[in-house]
Amino acid sequence: MLVSKWGNSLAVRLPKALVDKLDLKEGDELNVVDIVERTLVVEKEDRRKAAVERLSRLRWTLPTDYKFDRDEANERYRDESNEP
């Protein structure tokens, strides 16, 4: 992999095989989890999983009869914003 200048930073272009193997998409974030003898160990950050874990630590509960209705929520938003 080639290290290139990108603004004031350095960037590494990832080969397609690695992108496919990690199922990466533009905007995904990678975390360097270890550096051993000039070898980087990285992991793909799973933002959804991290968000769910943060929410679960709050220990909030919903009423047992709660039902999310997307149409109702969108209708309420349109009413509040005075959109047609």
C-alpha atoms as a PDB file:
ATOM      1  CA  MET A   1       0.000   0.000   0.000  1.00  0.00           C
ATOM      2  CA  LEU A   2       1.199   3.454  -0.855  1.00  0.00           C
ATOM      3  CA  VAL A   3       1.292   6.255   1.706  1.00  0.00           C
ATOM      4  CA  SER A   4       0.323   9.576   0.078  1.00  0.00           C
ATOM      5  CA  LYS A   5      -0.004  13.179   1.215  1.00  0.00           C
ATOM      6  CA  TRP A   6      -3.632  14.291   1.714  1.00  0.00           C
ATOM      7  CA  GLY A   7      -3.782  17.933   2.800  1.00  0.00           C
ATOM      8  CA  ASN A   8      -1.684  18.152   5.966  1.00  0.00           C
ATOM      9  CA  SER A   9      -2.131  14.431   6.661  1.00  0.00           C
ATOM     10  CA  LEU A  10      -0.951  11.143   5.242  1.00  0.00           C
ATOM     11  CA  ALA A  11      -3.340   8.604   3.738  1.00  0.00           C
ATOM     12  CA  VAL A  12      -3.157   4.966   2.722  1.00  0.00           C
ATOM     13  CA  ARG A  13      -5.075   3.700  -0.303  1.00  0.00           C
ATOM     14  CA  LEU A  14      -6.614   0.325   0.507  1.00  0.00           C
ATOM     15  CA  PRO A  15      -6.590  -2.402  -2.138  1.00  0.00           C
ATOM     16  CA  LYS A  16      -9.996  -3.586  -3.366  1.00  0.00           C
ATOM     17  CA  ALA A  17      -9.453  -7.090  -1.958  1.00  0.00           C
ATOM     18  CA  LEU A  18      -9.009  -5.649   1.547  1.00  0.00           C
ATOM     19  CA  VAL A  19     -11.980  -3.299   1.128  1.00  0.00           C
ATOM     20  CA  ASP A  20     -14.141  -6.250   0.084  1.00  0.00           C
ATOM     21  CA  LYS A  21     -12.865  -8.467   2.904  1.00  0.00           C
ATOM     22  CA  LEU A  22     -13.649  -5.810   5.540  1.00  0.00           C
ATOM     23  CA  ASP A  23     -16.896  -4.798   3.765  1.00  0.00           C
ATOM     24  CA  LEU A  24     -15.781  -1.159   3.828  1.00  0.00           C
ATOM     25  CA  LYS A  25     -17.710   1.722   2.339  1.00  0.00           C
ATOM     26  CA  GLU A  26     -16.859   5.400   1.960  1.00  0.00           C
ATOM     27  CA  GLY A  27     -17.289   7.090   5.331  1.00  0.00           C
ATOM     28  CA  ASP A  28     -16.565   3.970   7.408  1.00  0.00           C
ATOM     29  CA  GLU A  29     -14.029   4.420  10.175  1.00  0.00           C
ATOM     30  CA  LEU A  30     -11.161   2.120  11.096  1.00  0.00           C
ATOM     31  CA  ASN A  31      -9.522   2.036  14.512  1.00  0.00           C
ATOM     32  CA  VAL A  32      -5.885   1.124  15.040  1.00  0.00           C
ATOM     33  CA  VAL A  33      -6.081  -1.355  17.904  1.00  0.00           C
ATOM     34  CA  ASP A  34      -2.452  -2.419  18.110  1.00  0.00           C
ATOM     35  CA  ILE A  35       0.979  -1.794  16.626  1.00  0.00           C
ATOM     36  CA  VAL A  36       3.356  -4.736  16.822  1.00  0.00           C
ATOM     37  CA  GLU A  37       6.783  -4.711  15.178  1.00  0.00           C
ATOM     38  CA  ARG A  38       5.806  -2.182  12.478  1.00  0.00           C
ATOM     39  CA  THR A  39       2.491  -3.969  11.841  1.00  0.00           C
ATOM     40  CA  LEU A  40      -0.813  -2.150  12.299  1.00  0.00           C
ATOM     41  CA  VAL A  41      -3.780  -4.096  13.605  1.00  0.00           C
ATOM     42  CA  VAL A  42      -7.024  -2.376  12.644  1.00  0.00           C
ATOM     43  CA  GLU A  43     -10.707  -3.022  13.145  1.00  0.00           C
ATOM     44  CA  LYS A  44     -13.744  -1.584  11.448  1.00  0.00           C
ATOM     45  CA  GLU A  45     -15.730   0.634  13.793  1.00  0.00           C
ATOM     46  CA  ASP A  46     -19.348  -0.499  14.042  1.00  0.00           C
ATOM     47  CA  ARG A  47     -21.173   2.725  14.906  1.00  0.00           C
ATOM     48  CA  ARG A  48     -24.583   1.085  15.152  1.00  0.00           C
ATOM     49  CA  LYS A  49     -23.336  -1.548  17.564  1.00  0.00           C
ATOM     50  CA  ALA A  50     -21.585   1.103  19.669  1.00  0.00           C
ATOM     51  CA  ALA A  51     -24.754   3.242  19.754  1.00  0.00           C
ATOM     52  CA  VAL A  52     -26.888   0.279  20.832  1.00  0.00           C
ATOM     53  CA  GLU A  53     -24.374  -0.569  23.574  1.00  0.00           C
ATOM     54  CA  ARG A  54     -24.417   3.036  24.854  1.00  0.00           C
ATOM     55  CA  LEU A  55     -28.227   3.054  24.887  1.00  0.00           C
ATOM     56  CA  SER A  56     -28.413  -0.307  26.652  1.00  0.00           C
ATOM     57  CA  ARG A  57     -26.185   1.025  29.453  1.00  0.00           C
ATOM     58  CA  LEU A  58     -28.840   3.687  30.142  1.00  0.00           C
ATOM     59  CA  ARG A  59     -31.267   0.903  31.097  1.00  0.00           C
ATOM     60  CA  TRP A  60     -34.267   2.742  29.675  1.00  0.00           C
ATOM     61  CA  THR A  61     -37.383   0.702  29.130  1.00  0.00           C
ATOM     62  CA  LEU A  62     -40.452   1.248  26.983  1.00  0.00           C
ATOM     63  CA  PRO A  63     -43.975   0.480  28.116  1.00  0.00           C
ATOM     64  CA  THR A  64     -45.014  -3.065  27.186  1.00  0.00           C
ATOM     65  CA  ASP A  65     -47.831  -1.716  24.990  1.00  0.00           C
ATOM     66  CA  TYR A  66     -45.555   0.730  23.094  1.00  0.00           C
ATOM     67  CA  LYS A  67     -45.800   0.517  19.303  1.00  0.00           C
ATOM     68  CA  PHE A  68     -43.805   2.728  16.976  1.00  0.00           C
ATOM     69  CA  ASP A  69     -45.852   3.953  14.022  1.00  0.00           C
ATOM     70  CA  ARG A  70     -43.614   5.592  11.419  1.00  0.00           C
ATOM     71  CA  ASP A  71     -46.547   7.154   9.540  1.00  0.00           C
ATOM     72  CA  GLU A  72     -47.929   8.682  12.726  1.00  0.00           C
ATOM     73  CA  ALA A  73     -44.509  10.060  13.693  1.00  0.00           C
ATOM     74  CA  ASN A  74     -44.002  11.586  10.241  1.00  0.00           C
ATOM     75  CA  GLU A  75     -47.508  13.064  10.273  1.00  0.00           C
ATOM     76  CA  ARG A  76     -46.830  14.671  13.659  1.00  0.00           C
ATOM     77  CA  TYR A  77     -43.558  16.132  12.315  1.00  0.00           C
ATOM     78  CA  ARG A  78     -45.336  17.616   9.269  1.00  0.00           C
ATOM     79  CA  ASP A  79     -47.993  19.159  11.544  1.00  0.00           C
ATOM     80  CA  GLU A  80     -45.359  20.754  13.795  1.00  0.00           C
ATOM     81  CA  SER A  81     -43.283  22.126  10.924  1.00  0.00           C
ATOM     82  CA  ASN A  82     -46.335  23.444   9.022  1.00  0.00           C
ATOM     83  CA  GLU A  83     -45.282  21.589   5.892  1.00  0.00           C
ATOM     84  CA  PRO A  84     -47.934  20.406   3.417  1.00  0.00           C
END
